[in-house]
């Protein structure tokens, strides 16, 4: 069984090795008690790895200024921001409070999933936080596993199609998938059939004609080990 302490240190060192200047300093300063508590008590239990998770991730605000969110998870073209909030985070500074809310609103307007988590709740009731995040992230967990596991079993387009199916309630319509993934429709159909052969998709015949217009994803969105 992998050790959290060992894997956490490897994860941090990996990100430190890729950063320079202010981005490296932000990671050294910012990945403190609350963030570490989250990755140990929540993320590690939920995922068992750190694939796609970025500590102290740099983003821009509506004014074009950079700042660092506590954690960013990137999976299947989706971006999740996790901010660990202490009761005194905003203090009594109304301007800071306003700016923090504006940043959150801006990130959501740009398509980010923004999740604030109470540090007190992390300390006193981590099971509640874990249950809530498991529910929120369930549709994306299988995509994360496809992204992080043995990729020799699935090609790039196959993985894209599985992630797309998870985002669209398990359904893949080749014509819509072709537009979303910027592929030829016949290419999409080819790889959908490949996933049928591999037991990941099921072809859904239409009416009496039996023509295939839709495919259904059969993998689990709850237990990533089944993907």
Protein backbone atom coordinates (compact mmCIF):
# COMPACT_ATOMS: atom_id res chain seq x y z
CA UNK A 1 0.00 0.00 0.00
CA UNK A 2 1.30 3.40 -0.95
CA UNK A 3 2.24 5.68 1.92
CA UNK A 4 0.56 9.09 1.96
CA UNK A 5 3.64 10.76 3.42
CA UNK A 6 5.93 9.36 0.73
CA UNK A 7 3.59 10.11 -2.16
CA UNK A 8 2.76 13.57 -0.84
CA UNK A 9 6.44 14.48 -0.64
CA UNK A 10 7.04 13.16 -4.16
CA UNK A 11 4.07 15.17 -5.43
CA UNK A 12 5.26 18.42 -3.85
CA UNK A 13 8.85 17.93 -4.99
CA UNK A 14 7.65 17.21 -8.52
CA UNK A 15 5.81 20.53 -8.65
CA UNK A 16 8.66 22.43 -7.02
CA UNK A 17 11.07 21.06 -9.62
CA UNK A 18 8.93 22.47 -12.42
CA UNK A 19 8.50 25.95 -10.94
CA UNK A 20 10.65 29.04 -10.74
CA UNK A 21 10.50 32.45 -9.12
CA UNK A 22 7.20 33.54 -7.59
CA UNK A 23 5.40 30.33 -8.58
CA UNK A 24 7.91 28.25 -6.61
CA UNK A 25 7.82 30.66 -3.66
CA UNK A 26 4.01 30.57 -3.65
CA UNK A 27 4.07 26.79 -3.33
CA UNK A 28 6.62 26.87 -0.52
CA UNK A 29 4.61 29.52 1.36
CA UNK A 30 1.10 28.47 0.56
CA UNK A 31 0.90 24.70 0.95
CA UNK A 32 0.35 24.92 4.68
CA UNK A 33 -1.67 23.19 7.37
CA UNK A 34 -5.14 23.50 5.82
CA UNK A 35 -4.10 22.39 2.36
CA UNK A 36 -2.11 19.45 3.71
CA UNK A 37 -5.03 18.41 5.92
CA UNK A 38 -7.30 18.43 2.87
CA UNK A 39 -5.03 16.28 0.72
CA UNK A 40 -4.47 13.79 3.56
CA UNK A 41 -7.96 13.49 5.06
CA UNK A 42 -9.99 14.00 1.90
CA UNK A 43 -8.11 13.72 -1.37
CA UNK A 44 -5.94 10.73 -0.53
CA UNK A 45 -8.94 8.75 0.76
CA UNK A 46 -11.01 9.75 -2.25
CA UNK A 47 -8.44 9.17 -4.99
CA UNK A 48 -5.38 7.37 -3.62
CA UNK A 49 -3.11 9.40 -5.91
CA UNK A 50 -2.36 12.99 -6.91
CA UNK A 51 -2.82 12.70 -10.68
CA UNK A 52 -4.09 15.99 -12.09
CA UNK A 53 -4.01 17.80 -8.74
CA UNK A 54 -1.95 21.01 -8.63
CA UNK A 55 -1.02 22.81 -5.37
CA UNK A 56 -0.99 26.62 -5.28
CA UNK A 57 -2.13 26.91 -8.90
CA UNK A 58 -1.71 30.24 -10.63
CA UNK A 59 -4.81 31.76 -12.26
CA UNK A 60 -5.76 35.21 -13.48
CA UNK A 61 -8.57 37.38 -12.15
CA UNK A 62 -10.95 39.68 -14.02
CA UNK A 63 -8.34 42.46 -13.96
CA UNK A 64 -5.67 40.26 -15.51
CA UNK A 65 -3.78 39.95 -12.22
CA UNK A 66 -2.35 36.63 -11.10
CA UNK A 67 -3.05 34.92 -7.83
CA UNK A 68 -2.82 31.36 -6.49
CA UNK A 69 -5.74 29.11 -5.60
CA UNK A 70 -5.08 26.47 -2.93
CA UNK A 71 -5.59 23.46 -5.20
CA UNK A 72 -6.63 22.89 -8.79
CA UNK A 73 -7.76 19.52 -10.15
CA UNK A 74 -7.69 19.12 -13.92
CA UNK A 75 -9.59 16.15 -15.35
CA UNK A 76 -11.15 15.46 -18.73
CA UNK A 77 -11.08 19.11 -19.77
CA UNK A 78 -12.73 20.20 -16.50
CA UNK A 79 -11.13 22.47 -13.89
CA UNK A 80 -11.98 22.24 -10.18
CA UNK A 81 -10.76 24.88 -7.73
CA UNK A 82 -10.59 23.94 -4.05
CA UNK A 83 -10.11 26.73 -1.54
CA UNK A 84 -9.62 25.86 2.14
CA UNK A 85 -11.21 28.65 4.15
CA UNK A 86 -10.28 29.49 7.74
CA UNK A 87 -12.79 31.53 9.75
CA UNK A 88 -10.33 34.42 9.81
CA UNK A 89 -9.44 34.21 6.11
CA UNK A 90 -11.20 37.46 5.28
CA UNK A 91 -10.66 39.05 8.66
CA UNK A 92 -12.52 42.32 9.09
CA UNK A 93 -11.27 43.70 5.78
CA UNK A 94 -14.38 44.32 3.69
CA UNK A 95 -12.30 45.06 0.59
CA UNK A 96 -10.49 41.71 0.81
CA UNK A 97 -13.81 39.95 1.39
CA UNK A 98 -15.24 41.63 -1.70
CA UNK A 99 -12.19 40.80 -3.84
CA UNK A 100 -12.24 37.14 -2.76
CA UNK A 101 -15.90 36.82 -3.72
CA UNK A 102 -15.27 38.59 -7.03
CA UNK A 103 -12.45 36.15 -7.83
CA UNK A 104 -14.71 33.19 -7.10
CA UNK A 105 -17.46 34.66 -9.26
CA UNK A 106 -15.04 35.36 -12.10
CA UNK A 107 -13.61 31.82 -12.06
CA UNK A 108 -17.12 30.38 -12.22
CA UNK A 109 -17.92 32.67 -15.14
CA UNK A 110 -14.89 31.20 -16.93
CA UNK A 111 -16.15 27.63 -16.52
CA UNK A 112 -14.22 26.63 -13.41
CA UNK A 113 -15.93 24.54 -10.74
CA UNK A 114 -15.30 26.50 -7.55
CA UNK A 115 -15.53 24.72 -4.17
CA UNK A 116 -14.86 26.38 -0.81
CA UNK A 117 -14.23 24.09 2.19
CA UNK A 118 -14.26 25.08 5.84
CA UNK A 119 -11.01 24.40 7.66
CA UNK A 120 -12.98 23.89 10.88
CA UNK A 121 -15.09 21.22 9.15
CA UNK A 122 -11.94 19.53 7.84
CA UNK A 123 -10.62 19.33 11.40
CA UNK A 124 -13.85 18.35 13.17
CA UNK A 125 -15.92 16.46 10.60
CA UNK A 126 -13.80 15.30 7.63
CA UNK A 127 -16.23 12.44 6.89
CA UNK A 128 -18.88 15.00 5.93
CA UNK A 129 -16.51 16.81 3.55
CA UNK A 130 -15.40 13.49 2.04
CA UNK A 131 -19.00 12.39 1.46
CA UNK A 132 -19.97 15.68 -0.15
CA UNK A 133 -16.97 15.72 -2.49
CA UNK A 134 -17.46 12.07 -3.42
CA UNK A 135 -20.99 12.98 -4.51
CA UNK A 136 -19.95 16.13 -6.37
CA UNK A 137 -17.00 14.53 -8.16
CA UNK A 138 -18.54 11.12 -8.88
CA UNK A 139 -19.18 11.81 -12.60
CA UNK A 140 -15.51 12.72 -13.05
CA UNK A 141 -13.79 9.98 -11.01
CA UNK A 142 -13.85 7.43 -13.81
CA UNK A 143 -12.36 9.98 -16.20
CA UNK A 144 -9.59 10.61 -13.69
CA UNK A 145 -8.83 6.91 -13.53
CA UNK A 146 -8.78 6.51 -17.30
CA UNK A 147 -6.41 9.47 -17.35
CA UNK A 148 -4.16 8.10 -14.61
CA UNK A 149 -4.10 4.31 -15.17
CA UNK A 150 -2.62 2.01 -17.84
CA UNK A 151 -3.15 3.96 -21.05
CA UNK A 152 -1.99 1.11 -23.29
CA UNK A 153 -5.51 -0.36 -23.13
CA UNK A 154 -7.12 2.76 -24.61
CA UNK A 155 -6.06 5.20 -27.26
CA UNK A 156 -6.30 8.95 -26.92
CA UNK A 157 -9.61 9.23 -28.77
CA UNK A 158 -11.10 6.33 -26.80
CA UNK A 159 -10.22 8.09 -23.55
CA UNK A 160 -11.71 11.33 -24.83
CA UNK A 161 -14.95 9.54 -25.72
CA UNK A 162 -15.22 7.91 -22.29
CA UNK A 163 -14.68 11.27 -20.57
CA UNK A 164 -17.24 12.88 -22.84
CA UNK A 165 -19.76 10.12 -22.05
CA UNK A 166 -19.28 10.67 -18.31
CA UNK A 167 -19.94 14.40 -18.75
CA UNK A 168 -23.14 13.68 -20.73
CA UNK A 169 -24.93 11.16 -18.49
CA UNK A 170 -23.21 8.17 -20.17
CA UNK A 171 -24.53 8.94 -23.65
CA UNK A 172 -22.46 9.56 -26.78
CA UNK A 173 -24.06 10.72 -30.02
CA UNK A 174 -21.39 10.45 -32.75
CA UNK A 175 -22.48 13.61 -34.57
CA UNK A 176 -22.37 15.73 -31.40
CA UNK A 177 -19.18 14.06 -30.18
CA UNK A 178 -17.52 14.80 -33.52
CA UNK A 179 -18.30 18.51 -33.15
CA UNK A 180 -17.20 18.66 -29.52
CA UNK A 181 -13.95 16.79 -30.09
CA UNK A 182 -13.35 18.35 -33.54
CA UNK A 183 -13.16 14.97 -35.23
CA UNK A 184 -14.70 13.39 -38.31
CA UNK A 185 -17.97 11.62 -37.52
CA UNK A 186 -16.75 8.37 -39.08
CA UNK A 187 -13.66 8.51 -36.85
CA UNK A 188 -15.88 8.84 -33.78
CA UNK A 189 -18.01 5.88 -34.89
CA UNK A 190 -14.88 3.80 -35.47
CA UNK A 191 -13.64 4.36 -31.92
CA UNK A 192 -17.09 3.94 -30.40
CA UNK A 193 -17.21 0.49 -32.03
CA UNK A 194 -13.76 -0.22 -30.63
CA UNK A 195 -15.02 0.63 -27.14
CA UNK A 196 -18.00 -1.66 -27.70
CA UNK A 197 -15.55 -4.47 -28.45
CA UNK A 198 -13.66 -3.64 -25.25
CA UNK A 199 -16.83 -3.73 -23.18
CA UNK A 200 -16.88 -0.01 -22.34
CA UNK A 201 -19.69 1.08 -24.68
CA UNK A 202 -23.00 -0.45 -25.72
CA UNK A 203 -24.54 0.38 -29.09
CA UNK A 204 -28.16 1.53 -28.78
CA UNK A 205 -30.27 0.65 -31.87
CA UNK A 206 -32.97 3.12 -32.91
CA UNK A 207 -36.58 2.07 -33.50
CA UNK A 208 -37.38 -0.68 -35.98
CA UNK A 209 -34.54 0.19 -38.34
CA UNK A 210 -31.91 -0.95 -35.86
CA UNK A 211 -29.56 1.80 -37.00
CA UNK A 212 -27.08 2.98 -34.37
CA UNK A 213 -27.30 6.64 -33.48
CA UNK A 214 -26.15 6.49 -29.89
CA UNK A 215 -23.71 4.68 -27.62
CA UNK A 216 -23.93 4.18 -23.87
CA UNK A 217 -20.95 4.17 -21.51
CA UNK A 218 -20.92 1.04 -19.32
CA UNK A 219 -18.03 1.88 -16.99
CA UNK A 220 -18.50 2.88 -13.37
CA UNK A 221 -18.64 6.54 -12.39
CA UNK A 222 -18.59 5.66 -8.70
CA UNK A 223 -15.73 3.17 -8.31
CA UNK A 224 -12.70 4.14 -10.41
CA UNK A 225 -11.17 0.66 -9.97
CA UNK A 226 -13.81 -0.68 -12.34
CA UNK A 227 -12.64 1.49 -15.24
